């Protein structure tokens, strides 16, 4: 009887330690659940210039294989779906204020973090994916072109020779990071049409943008509004 009591007493620290480890794991999993939730990306720009004010508050869209900036209140947006042959794979920031509504050829970024095949960055982050169609639903990887530093999207075979991560976000504000920092730039490709770039060399995209206007921007995740019966 005494031996049984002593054994139980000796086992208590191990039991308590295991229980606390389980609780910590559960808390961590709860905190990380947001990483798998489909989210839109909203642009913030601190520049007080007219262009900066236009870009600030825009949403990110996928069009022509690029990531673009879309001027919109997400509640009133109207985006024109991509067609199967309308692919050039870049992300854009397309500014359009006509009557406070959006009429933009593209697909609103709706993405989440996902481990990239054959890559293990540990706590530094994961890969990043987004839907490119609503029907049928299809995911593409988000990546940065190694030569131009344009932020693009594509299949694994299209992305694997470029910068595919690690993508992450800040803990409080959920701002997107790549390789551990926020180096995103909006580059005006046409008047009022802004594409998303990553200033990997931290030199203002020297040699990458010609004489086009650029703006420093931040990207914040905003959970996508979930409809009835919708998953993810």
Protein backbone atom coordinates (compact mmCIF):
# COMPACT_ATOMS: atom_id res chain seq x y z
CA UNK A 1 0.00 0.00 0.00
CA UNK A 2 2.81 2.40 1.00
CA UNK A 3 4.70 1.49 -2.18
CA UNK A 4 1.59 2.28 -4.25
CA UNK A 5 1.22 5.69 -2.61
CA UNK A 6 4.90 6.49 -3.14
CA UNK A 7 4.66 5.44 -6.80
CA UNK A 8 1.61 7.67 -7.30
CA UNK A 9 3.38 10.62 -5.65
CA UNK A 10 6.45 10.09 -7.83
CA UNK A 11 4.29 9.98 -10.96
CA UNK A 12 2.43 13.22 -10.17
CA UNK A 13 5.02 15.65 -11.64
CA UNK A 14 5.13 13.66 -14.87
CA UNK A 15 1.33 13.62 -15.12
CA UNK A 16 1.10 17.35 -14.40
CA UNK A 17 3.87 18.03 -16.92
CA UNK A 18 2.11 16.00 -19.60
CA UNK A 19 -1.22 17.71 -18.91
CA UNK A 20 0.36 21.16 -19.14
CA UNK A 21 2.11 20.21 -22.39
CA UNK A 22 -1.22 19.10 -23.85
CA UNK A 23 -2.86 22.36 -22.76
CA UNK A 24 -0.06 24.42 -24.30
CA UNK A 25 -0.34 22.43 -27.53
CA UNK A 26 -4.11 23.01 -27.60
CA UNK A 27 -3.66 26.74 -27.01
CA UNK A 28 -1.03 26.91 -29.76
CA UNK A 29 -3.28 25.01 -32.19
CA UNK A 30 -6.16 27.37 -31.42
CA UNK A 31 -3.92 30.39 -32.08
CA UNK A 32 -2.70 28.91 -35.35
CA UNK A 33 -6.14 28.02 -36.72
CA UNK A 34 -6.35 31.37 -38.51
CA UNK A 35 -3.50 30.30 -40.80
CA UNK A 36 -5.76 27.85 -42.59
CA UNK A 37 -8.71 30.22 -42.96
CA UNK A 38 -9.31 31.80 -46.37
CA UNK A 39 -8.47 35.47 -46.14
CA UNK A 40 -8.44 38.48 -48.43
CA UNK A 41 -5.43 40.80 -48.48
CA UNK A 42 -5.95 44.51 -47.79
CA UNK A 43 -3.31 47.10 -48.73
CA UNK A 44 -2.12 49.86 -46.40
CA UNK A 45 0.03 52.72 -47.69
CA UNK A 46 1.51 55.42 -45.44
CA UNK A 47 2.34 57.78 -48.29
CA UNK A 48 0.25 60.97 -48.19
CA UNK A 49 0.59 61.49 -51.95
CA UNK A 50 -2.54 61.25 -54.15
CA UNK A 51 -1.31 57.87 -55.42
CA UNK A 52 -0.75 56.68 -51.86
CA UNK A 53 -4.27 57.68 -50.86
CA UNK A 54 -5.67 55.86 -53.89
CA UNK A 55 -3.84 52.64 -53.05
CA UNK A 56 -4.52 52.73 -49.29
CA UNK A 57 -7.38 50.40 -48.35
CA UNK A 58 -7.37 48.51 -51.64
CA UNK A 59 -7.80 44.76 -51.98
CA UNK A 60 -5.45 42.36 -53.77
CA UNK A 61 -6.66 40.60 -56.92
CA UNK A 62 -5.17 37.97 -59.20
CA UNK A 63 -5.14 38.81 -62.87
CA UNK A 64 -2.96 37.94 -65.86
CA UNK A 65 -0.77 35.86 -63.55
CA UNK A 66 -0.02 38.92 -61.43
CA UNK A 67 -1.18 40.24 -58.09
CA UNK A 68 -2.92 43.62 -58.41
CA UNK A 69 -4.36 46.18 -56.02
CA UNK A 70 -8.11 46.67 -56.30
CA UNK A 71 -9.82 49.84 -55.01
CA UNK A 72 -12.95 48.61 -53.31
CA UNK A 73 -15.13 48.28 -50.29
CA UNK A 74 -15.16 44.48 -50.06
CA UNK A 75 -18.88 44.57 -49.30
CA UNK A 76 -19.72 46.23 -52.62
CA UNK A 77 -17.11 44.76 -54.93
CA UNK A 78 -17.91 43.25 -58.30
CA UNK A 79 -15.06 41.26 -59.76
CA UNK A 80 -15.18 39.57 -63.13
CA UNK A 81 -14.03 35.93 -62.85
CA UNK A 82 -10.90 34.79 -64.61
CA UNK A 83 -11.36 32.60 -67.65
CA UNK A 84 -9.19 29.58 -68.29
CA UNK A 85 -7.25 31.30 -71.07
CA UNK A 86 -6.80 34.63 -69.27
CA UNK A 87 -3.63 33.65 -67.50
CA UNK A 88 -0.39 35.59 -67.37
CA UNK A 89 0.02 34.96 -63.65
CA UNK A 90 0.72 38.24 -61.85
CA UNK A 91 -0.84 39.85 -58.78
CA UNK A 92 -2.22 43.38 -59.19
CA UNK A 93 -3.43 46.41 -57.28
CA UNK A 94 -5.99 47.78 -59.76
CA UNK A 95 -7.43 51.09 -58.61
CA UNK A 96 -10.99 51.79 -59.74
CA UNK A 97 -13.32 54.21 -57.97
CA UNK A 98 -16.16 54.42 -60.49
CA UNK A 99 -19.32 55.11 -58.50
CA UNK A 100 -17.75 53.45 -55.49
CA UNK A 101 -18.02 50.04 -57.12
CA UNK A 102 -15.56 47.71 -58.74
CA UNK A 103 -15.69 46.30 -62.22
CA UNK A 104 -12.37 44.56 -62.55
CA UNK A 105 -11.30 41.55 -64.56
CA UNK A 106 -9.68 39.31 -62.00
CA UNK A 107 -10.16 37.16 -58.94
CA UNK A 108 -10.12 38.51 -55.40
CA UNK A 109 -7.26 36.97 -53.42
CA UNK A 110 -8.70 34.33 -51.08
CA UNK A 111 -5.79 32.43 -49.61
CA UNK A 112 -4.15 30.80 -46.64
CA UNK A 113 -0.85 29.30 -45.50
CA UNK A 114 0.05 25.78 -46.61
CA UNK A 115 3.29 23.77 -46.40
CA UNK A 116 5.13 23.92 -49.71
CA UNK A 117 6.24 20.48 -51.00
CA UNK A 118 9.84 19.54 -50.15
CA UNK A 119 10.38 22.73 -48.14
CA UNK A 120 10.70 22.91 -44.35
CA UNK A 121 11.24 26.39 -42.97
CA UNK A 122 10.25 25.43 -39.44
CA UNK A 123 8.90 28.39 -37.47
CA UNK A 124 9.89 30.85 -40.21
CA UNK A 125 6.68 30.18 -42.14
CA UNK A 126 5.08 28.16 -44.92
CA UNK A 127 3.94 28.43 -48.50
CA UNK A 128 0.99 30.64 -49.48
CA UNK A 129 -1.90 29.68 -51.75
CA UNK A 130 -4.98 31.39 -53.15
CA UNK A 131 -8.01 30.32 -55.10
CA UNK A 132 -7.89 31.49 -58.72
CA UNK A 133 -11.47 30.56 -59.63
CA UNK A 134 -14.66 30.25 -57.62
CA UNK A 135 -16.11 27.57 -59.91
CA UNK A 136 -14.51 25.16 -60.23
CA UNK A 137 -12.40 25.93 -57.13
CA UNK A 138 -8.69 25.77 -57.89
CA UNK A 139 -5.62 26.74 -55.84
CA UNK A 140 -2.33 28.22 -57.05
CA UNK A 141 0.89 28.95 -55.19
CA UNK A 142 1.86 32.57 -54.56
CA UNK A 143 5.52 33.26 -55.35
CA UNK A 144 8.02 35.99 -56.23
CA UNK A 145 9.69 35.90 -59.63
CA UNK A 146 13.45 35.48 -59.08
CA UNK A 147 14.34 37.85 -61.91
CA UNK A 148 11.75 40.64 -61.76
CA UNK A 149 10.59 40.39 -58.11
CA UNK A 150 6.96 40.52 -59.29
CA UNK A 151 4.53 38.69 -57.01
CA UNK A 152 2.85 36.02 -59.13
CA UNK A 153 0.72 32.90 -58.85
CA UNK A 154 0.92 29.52 -60.55
CA UNK A 155 1.10 25.75 -60.29
CA UNK A 156 3.97 24.07 -58.47
CA UNK A 157 5.88 23.50 -61.71
CA UNK A 158 5.63 27.23 -62.45
CA UNK A 159 6.63 28.35 -58.97
CA UNK A 160 9.29 25.90 -57.79
CA UNK A 161 12.27 27.71 -59.35
CA UNK A 162 11.27 31.02 -57.79
CA UNK A 163 10.89 32.42 -54.26
CA UNK A 164 8.05 30.39 -52.72
CA UNK A 165 8.51 31.28 -49.04
CA UNK A 166 8.65 31.30 -46.14
CA UNK A 167 5.44 33.33 -45.93
CA UNK A 168 4.15 34.32 -42.51
CA UNK A 169 2.21 37.07 -40.75
CA UNK A 170 2.72 39.26 -37.71
CA UNK A 171 1.04 38.01 -34.55
CA UNK A 172 -1.11 41.01 -33.69
CA UNK A 173 -2.01 42.82 -36.91
CA UNK A 174 -1.75 39.76 -39.22
CA UNK A 175 0.41 41.64 -41.72
CA UNK A 176 2.02 39.42 -44.35
CA UNK A 177 5.79 38.84 -44.29
CA UNK A 178 8.13 37.03 -46.68
CA UNK A 179 11.56 35.79 -45.63
CA UNK A 180 10.89 37.35 -42.24
CA UNK A 181 10.14 40.95 -43.25
CA UNK A 182 7.69 43.26 -45.02
CA UNK A 183 9.23 44.43 -48.27
CA UNK A 184 6.18 44.80 -50.49
CA UNK A 185 5.95 47.53 -53.11
CA UNK A 186 3.19 48.75 -55.40
CA UNK A 187 4.50 49.50 -58.91
CA UNK A 188 2.39 51.50 -61.34
CA UNK A 189 2.42 49.58 -64.63
CA UNK A 190 -0.27 51.67 -66.32
CA UNK A 191 -1.99 54.83 -65.13
CA UNK A 192 -4.00 53.90 -62.06
CA UNK A 193 -3.05 50.22 -62.31
CA UNK A 194 -0.66 48.92 -59.66
CA UNK A 195 1.14 45.56 -59.53
CA UNK A 196 2.55 43.98 -56.38
CA UNK A 197 6.32 43.46 -56.06
CA UNK A 198 8.69 42.32 -53.29
CA UNK A 199 11.77 44.48 -52.70
CA UNK A 200 13.98 41.51 -51.85
CA UNK A 201 17.25 43.47 -52.06
CA UNK A 202 15.84 46.34 -49.96
CA UNK A 203 17.00 48.92 -52.49
CA UNK A 204 13.73 50.34 -53.78
CA UNK A 205 13.62 47.80 -56.63
CA UNK A 206 16.65 49.41 -58.26
CA UNK A 207 17.04 48.05 -61.78
CA UNK A 208 13.65 46.33 -61.64
CA UNK A 209 11.09 49.08 -62.23
CA UNK A 210 12.45 51.41 -64.95
CA UNK A 211 11.03 54.91 -64.26
CA UNK A 212 7.67 53.74 -62.99
CA UNK A 213 6.22 55.10 -59.74
CA UNK A 214 6.51 52.91 -56.65
CA UNK A 215 4.94 52.95 -53.21
CA UNK A 216 5.81 51.03 -50.05
CA UNK A 217 2.78 49.03 -48.92
CA UNK A 218 1.72 46.62 -46.19
CA UNK A 219 -0.59 43.64 -46.68
CA UNK A 220 -3.04 42.66 -43.95
CA UNK A 221 -5.04 39.45 -43.84
CA UNK A 222 -8.80 39.86 -43.48
CA UNK A 223 -10.81 36.69 -43.05
CA UNK A 224 -13.09 36.07 -45.99
CA UNK A 225 -16.79 36.34 -45.26
CA UNK A 226 -18.12 32.80 -45.01
CA UNK A 227 -21.43 31.93 -46.61
CA UNK A 228 -23.88 29.34 -45.32
CA UNK A 229 -22.45 25.84 -45.70
CA UNK A 230 -19.14 27.16 -47.04
CA UNK A 231 -15.99 25.34 -45.97
CA UNK A 232 -12.63 26.95 -45.09
